[in-house]
N, C-alpha and C. Protein backbone atom coordinates (compact mmCIF):
# COMPACT_ATOMS: atom_id res chain seq x y z
N MET A 1 -87.91 -60.49 61.57
CA MET A 1 -88.94 -61.19 61.17
C MET A 1 -88.37 -62.34 60.00
N ASP A 2 -88.77 -63.54 60.38
CA ASP A 2 -88.14 -64.22 58.84
C ASP A 2 -89.69 -64.19 58.19
N ILE A 3 -89.42 -65.13 57.07
CA ILE A 3 -90.32 -64.81 55.79
C ILE A 3 -91.67 -65.60 56.41
N HIS A 4 -91.69 -66.68 57.16
CA HIS A 4 -92.74 -67.29 57.51
C HIS A 4 -93.76 -66.24 58.67
N GLN A 5 -93.04 -65.68 59.22
CA GLN A 5 -93.65 -64.69 60.30
C GLN A 5 -94.25 -63.46 59.77
N ILE A 6 -93.57 -63.07 58.46
CA ILE A 6 -94.12 -62.03 57.85
C ILE A 6 -95.31 -62.45 57.03
N GLU A 7 -94.99 -63.77 56.41
CA GLU A 7 -96.39 -64.11 55.77
C GLU A 7 -97.47 -64.28 56.86
N THR A 8 -97.55 -64.58 57.87
CA THR A 8 -98.53 -64.89 58.87
C THR A 8 -99.12 -63.69 59.18
N ASP A 9 -98.21 -62.49 59.58
CA ASP A 9 -98.77 -61.26 59.66
C ASP A 9 -99.36 -60.65 58.77
N LEU A 10 -99.09 -60.66 57.64
CA LEU A 10 -99.78 -60.30 56.39
C LEU A 10 -100.98 -60.98 56.24
N SER A 11 -101.30 -62.23 56.73
CA SER A 11 -102.43 -62.78 56.33
C SER A 11 -103.31 -62.37 57.22
N ASN A 12 -102.89 -61.96 58.41
CA ASN A 12 -103.96 -61.12 59.48
C ASN A 12 -104.19 -59.66 59.21
N LYS A 13 -103.16 -59.31 58.35
CA LYS A 13 -103.40 -58.05 58.32
C LYS A 13 -104.29 -56.95 56.81
N LEU A 14 -103.97 -58.25 56.10
CA LEU A 14 -104.79 -57.76 54.47
C LEU A 14 -105.83 -58.51 54.46
N SER A 15 -106.63 -57.98 53.17
CA SER A 15 -107.81 -58.56 53.12
C SER A 15 -107.57 -60.08 52.54
N LYS A 16 -108.48 -60.92 52.43
CA LYS A 16 -108.36 -62.00 51.83
C LYS A 16 -107.82 -62.02 50.24
N LYS A 17 -108.72 -61.30 49.54
CA LYS A 17 -108.35 -61.07 48.53
C LYS A 17 -107.03 -60.39 48.20
N ARG A 18 -106.61 -59.54 48.87
CA ARG A 18 -105.21 -58.93 48.69
C ARG A 18 -103.79 -59.99 48.86
N PHE A 19 -104.32 -60.89 50.14
CA PHE A 19 -103.31 -61.81 50.42
C PHE A 19 -103.25 -62.93 49.54
N ILE A 20 -104.41 -63.14 48.68
CA ILE A 20 -104.54 -64.33 47.82
C ILE A 20 -103.44 -63.75 46.46
N HIS A 21 -103.73 -62.44 46.05
CA HIS A 21 -103.04 -61.96 45.44
C HIS A 21 -101.58 -61.89 45.45
N THR A 22 -101.27 -61.57 46.73
CA THR A 22 -99.79 -61.58 47.23
C THR A 22 -99.09 -62.78 46.99
N LEU A 23 -99.73 -63.78 47.41
CA LEU A 23 -99.26 -65.31 46.89
C LEU A 23 -99.06 -65.54 45.71
N GLY A 24 -100.20 -65.12 44.73
CA GLY A 24 -99.72 -65.44 43.30
C GLY A 24 -98.43 -64.47 42.79
N VAL A 25 -98.50 -63.45 43.40
CA VAL A 25 -97.13 -62.46 43.13
C VAL A 25 -95.80 -63.40 43.77
N VAL A 26 -95.87 -63.85 44.60
CA VAL A 26 -94.61 -64.53 45.20
C VAL A 26 -94.45 -65.83 44.52
N GLU A 27 -95.23 -66.67 43.92
CA GLU A 27 -95.32 -67.61 43.08
C GLU A 27 -94.51 -67.42 41.82
N SER A 28 -94.93 -66.22 41.10
CA SER A 28 -94.45 -66.02 39.91
C SER A 28 -93.23 -65.29 40.50
N ALA A 29 -92.92 -64.50 41.16
CA ALA A 29 -91.43 -63.94 41.50
C ALA A 29 -90.55 -65.20 41.74
N ILE A 30 -90.87 -66.34 42.19
CA ILE A 30 -89.94 -67.18 42.61
C ILE A 30 -89.69 -67.83 41.13
N TYR A 31 -90.63 -68.21 40.39
CA TYR A 31 -90.39 -68.88 39.05
C TYR A 31 -89.63 -67.90 38.37
N LEU A 32 -89.67 -66.69 38.24
CA LEU A 32 -89.03 -65.69 37.46
C LEU A 32 -87.50 -65.54 38.03
N ALA A 33 -87.28 -65.63 39.45
CA ALA A 33 -85.92 -65.37 39.80
C ALA A 33 -85.20 -66.77 39.67
N LYS A 34 -85.81 -67.76 39.55
CA LYS A 34 -85.34 -69.26 38.95
C LYS A 34 -84.75 -69.11 37.43
N LYS A 35 -85.65 -68.56 36.88
CA LYS A 35 -85.53 -68.54 35.10
C LYS A 35 -84.53 -67.66 35.02
N TYR A 36 -84.17 -66.65 35.52
CA TYR A 36 -83.25 -65.63 35.20
C TYR A 36 -81.96 -65.31 36.26
N GLY A 37 -81.92 -66.32 37.29
CA GLY A 37 -80.57 -66.69 38.09
C GLY A 37 -80.66 -65.46 39.12
N ALA A 38 -81.96 -65.02 39.23
CA ALA A 38 -81.78 -63.76 40.60
C ALA A 38 -81.87 -64.48 41.90
N ASN A 39 -81.68 -63.76 43.07
CA ASN A 39 -81.46 -64.54 44.33
C ASN A 39 -83.37 -64.82 44.70
N VAL A 40 -83.53 -66.05 44.62
CA VAL A 40 -84.96 -66.74 45.04
C VAL A 40 -85.60 -65.90 46.24
N GLU A 41 -84.62 -66.07 47.08
CA GLU A 41 -85.30 -65.86 48.65
C GLU A 41 -85.46 -64.03 48.63
N ASP A 42 -84.79 -63.43 47.85
CA ASP A 42 -85.00 -61.86 47.76
C ASP A 42 -86.16 -61.64 47.03
N ALA A 43 -86.39 -62.42 45.92
CA ALA A 43 -87.44 -62.09 45.00
C ALA A 43 -88.77 -62.55 45.97
N ARG A 44 -88.67 -63.82 46.48
CA ARG A 44 -89.62 -63.90 47.56
C ARG A 44 -90.09 -63.04 48.43
N LEU A 45 -89.09 -62.62 49.16
CA LEU A 45 -89.25 -61.62 50.29
C LEU A 45 -89.97 -60.14 49.71
N ALA A 46 -89.49 -59.89 48.71
CA ALA A 46 -90.08 -58.69 47.90
C ALA A 46 -91.24 -58.85 47.41
N ALA A 47 -91.54 -59.95 46.74
CA ALA A 47 -93.00 -60.16 46.59
C ALA A 47 -94.14 -60.39 47.57
N MET A 48 -93.83 -60.85 48.51
CA MET A 48 -94.34 -60.96 49.84
C MET A 48 -94.83 -59.74 50.32
N LEU A 49 -93.99 -58.67 50.22
CA LEU A 49 -93.93 -57.47 50.73
C LEU A 49 -94.51 -56.21 49.82
N HIS A 50 -94.89 -56.45 48.92
CA HIS A 50 -94.96 -55.64 47.85
C HIS A 50 -96.15 -54.61 47.64
N ASP A 51 -97.14 -55.21 48.79
CA ASP A 51 -98.57 -54.74 48.86
C ASP A 51 -98.69 -54.48 50.38
N CYS A 52 -97.86 -54.57 51.05
CA CYS A 52 -98.02 -54.41 52.75
C CYS A 52 -98.64 -53.44 53.34
N ALA A 53 -98.51 -52.40 52.40
CA ALA A 53 -99.16 -50.93 52.91
C ALA A 53 -100.39 -50.45 51.92
N LYS A 54 -100.58 -51.49 51.02
CA LYS A 54 -101.88 -51.00 50.08
C LYS A 54 -102.85 -50.85 50.57
N GLU A 55 -103.41 -51.51 51.85
CA GLU A 55 -104.74 -51.32 52.33
C GLU A 55 -104.66 -50.16 53.45
N LEU A 56 -103.61 -49.59 53.69
CA LEU A 56 -103.47 -48.59 54.85
C LEU A 56 -104.42 -47.49 54.55
N PRO A 57 -104.66 -46.42 55.37
CA PRO A 57 -105.47 -45.25 54.97
C PRO A 57 -104.55 -44.37 54.61
N LEU A 58 -104.94 -43.65 53.70
CA LEU A 58 -103.87 -42.66 53.02
C LEU A 58 -103.01 -41.64 54.17
N LEU A 59 -104.02 -41.52 55.15
CA LEU A 59 -103.16 -40.61 56.25
C LEU A 59 -101.97 -41.33 56.94
N GLU A 60 -101.84 -42.85 57.11
CA GLU A 60 -101.08 -43.79 57.68
C GLU A 60 -100.07 -43.83 56.74
N MET A 61 -100.33 -43.90 55.49
CA MET A 61 -99.07 -43.84 54.43
C MET A 61 -98.55 -42.70 54.38
N GLN A 62 -99.11 -41.60 54.37
CA GLN A 62 -98.56 -40.04 54.50
C GLN A 62 -97.40 -40.24 55.81
N ASP A 63 -97.92 -40.55 56.73
CA ASP A 63 -96.95 -40.65 58.14
C ASP A 63 -95.86 -41.47 57.79
N LEU A 64 -95.84 -42.49 57.11
CA LEU A 64 -95.05 -43.33 56.84
C LEU A 64 -93.63 -42.75 56.02
N VAL A 65 -94.32 -41.97 55.26
CA VAL A 65 -93.16 -41.30 54.21
C VAL A 65 -92.81 -39.95 54.42
N ALA A 66 -93.22 -39.41 55.83
CA ALA A 66 -93.18 -38.05 55.85
C ALA A 66 -91.61 -37.60 55.96
N ASP A 67 -90.82 -38.32 56.28
CA ASP A 67 -89.24 -38.13 56.58
C ASP A 67 -88.70 -38.31 54.87
N LEU A 68 -89.45 -38.53 54.09
CA LEU A 68 -88.90 -38.82 52.81
C LEU A 68 -89.41 -37.54 51.80
N SER A 69 -88.74 -37.27 50.99
CA SER A 69 -89.18 -36.35 49.63
C SER A 69 -89.79 -37.31 48.61
N CYS A 70 -90.87 -36.98 48.15
CA CYS A 70 -91.80 -37.55 47.21
C CYS A 70 -92.78 -36.33 46.66
N ASP A 71 -92.93 -36.86 45.43
CA ASP A 71 -93.69 -36.10 44.43
C ASP A 71 -94.97 -35.61 45.25
N VAL A 72 -95.29 -34.43 45.15
CA VAL A 72 -96.80 -33.98 45.78
C VAL A 72 -97.87 -34.76 45.14
N ASP A 73 -98.06 -34.86 44.02
CA ASP A 73 -99.02 -35.59 43.73
C ASP A 73 -99.31 -37.28 44.19
N MET A 74 -98.07 -37.60 44.23
CA MET A 74 -97.74 -39.27 44.92
C MET A 74 -98.58 -39.05 46.47
N LEU A 75 -98.25 -38.03 47.11
CA LEU A 75 -98.97 -37.96 48.44
C LEU A 75 -100.24 -37.62 48.66
N HIS A 76 -100.98 -37.46 47.64
CA HIS A 76 -102.65 -37.50 47.51
C HIS A 76 -103.25 -38.53 47.16
N SER A 77 -102.27 -39.73 46.68
CA SER A 77 -102.97 -40.98 46.09
C SER A 77 -102.40 -42.11 46.62
N GLY A 78 -103.46 -42.72 47.26
CA GLY A 78 -103.02 -44.37 48.05
C GLY A 78 -102.44 -45.14 46.65
N ALA A 79 -102.95 -44.89 45.78
CA ALA A 79 -102.54 -46.03 44.71
C ALA A 79 -100.93 -45.89 44.36
N LEU A 80 -100.51 -44.66 44.59
CA LEU A 80 -99.16 -44.20 43.92
C LEU A 80 -98.27 -44.35 45.26
N LEU A 81 -98.77 -43.85 46.22
CA LEU A 81 -97.93 -43.75 47.45
C LEU A 81 -97.89 -45.31 48.38
N HIS A 82 -98.56 -46.22 48.05
CA HIS A 82 -98.50 -47.60 48.82
C HIS A 82 -97.06 -48.18 48.36
N GLY A 83 -96.71 -48.01 47.50
CA GLY A 83 -95.13 -48.56 47.16
C GLY A 83 -94.22 -48.09 48.10
N LEU A 84 -93.97 -46.89 48.08
CA LEU A 84 -92.90 -46.15 49.18
C LEU A 84 -93.31 -46.40 50.50
N ALA A 85 -94.74 -46.13 50.80
CA ALA A 85 -95.05 -46.69 51.82
C ALA A 85 -94.62 -47.76 52.61
N GLY A 86 -94.97 -48.90 51.65
CA GLY A 86 -94.55 -50.43 51.85
C GLY A 86 -93.13 -50.60 51.99
N MET A 87 -92.18 -49.69 51.42
CA MET A 87 -90.80 -49.83 51.53
C MET A 87 -90.54 -49.47 52.87
N VAL A 88 -90.99 -48.50 53.47
CA VAL A 88 -90.57 -47.61 54.85
C VAL A 88 -91.31 -48.88 55.93
N LEU A 89 -92.66 -49.47 55.54
CA LEU A 89 -92.96 -50.43 56.58
C LEU A 89 -92.27 -51.56 56.55
N ALA A 90 -91.85 -52.20 55.27
CA ALA A 90 -91.01 -53.11 55.42
C ALA A 90 -89.56 -53.17 56.30
N ASN A 91 -89.04 -51.88 55.94
CA ASN A 91 -87.84 -51.72 56.90
C ASN A 91 -88.08 -51.38 58.18
N THR A 92 -89.03 -50.69 58.60
CA THR A 92 -89.66 -50.39 60.10
C THR A 92 -90.13 -51.44 60.91
N HIS A 93 -91.18 -51.83 60.24
CA HIS A 93 -91.86 -52.93 60.84
C HIS A 93 -91.36 -54.43 60.90
N TYR A 94 -90.85 -54.68 59.75
CA TYR A 94 -90.46 -55.94 59.21
C TYR A 94 -89.09 -56.12 59.33
N GLY A 95 -88.16 -55.04 59.43
CA GLY A 95 -86.83 -55.12 59.95
C GLY A 95 -85.87 -55.48 58.55
N ILE A 96 -86.59 -55.18 57.56
CA ILE A 96 -85.77 -55.55 56.13
C ILE A 96 -84.76 -54.37 56.03
N THR A 97 -83.70 -54.76 55.59
CA THR A 97 -82.62 -53.90 55.25
C THR A 97 -82.08 -54.02 53.83
N ASN A 98 -82.30 -55.04 53.26
CA ASN A 98 -81.66 -55.40 52.04
C ASN A 98 -81.98 -54.26 50.96
N ARG A 99 -81.48 -53.57 50.45
CA ARG A 99 -81.50 -52.48 49.29
C ARG A 99 -82.62 -53.14 48.32
N GLU A 100 -82.07 -54.43 47.61
CA GLU A 100 -82.48 -55.20 46.67
C GLU A 100 -83.96 -55.42 46.96
N VAL A 101 -84.23 -55.91 48.12
CA VAL A 101 -85.55 -56.34 48.64
C VAL A 101 -86.50 -54.65 48.49
N LEU A 102 -86.05 -53.81 49.33
CA LEU A 102 -86.87 -52.65 49.60
C LEU A 102 -87.10 -51.86 48.25
N GLU A 103 -86.26 -51.98 47.20
CA GLU A 103 -86.55 -51.14 45.90
C GLU A 103 -87.26 -51.96 45.22
């Protein structure tokens, strides 16, 4: 998927509040990437996807990370697990393979 398809998909999957937050993070990431000479498109993509799993049910997050080793405490907290689950979702659902974007 390209960035526009990802944005459209997230606008349909995330709550309005979460999606507006995501767009704000994208703006900040672009600004900071330009300021510090980082790859703007990578920063934009990472920011767009940073909360892609945030609103998933905990069980769905746990399923996403089942093949990874992670802290037991993390497995019981969506607030902690959503980042790792988001990385897996970005890779498996959105086709992102760039490690800098995924990390």
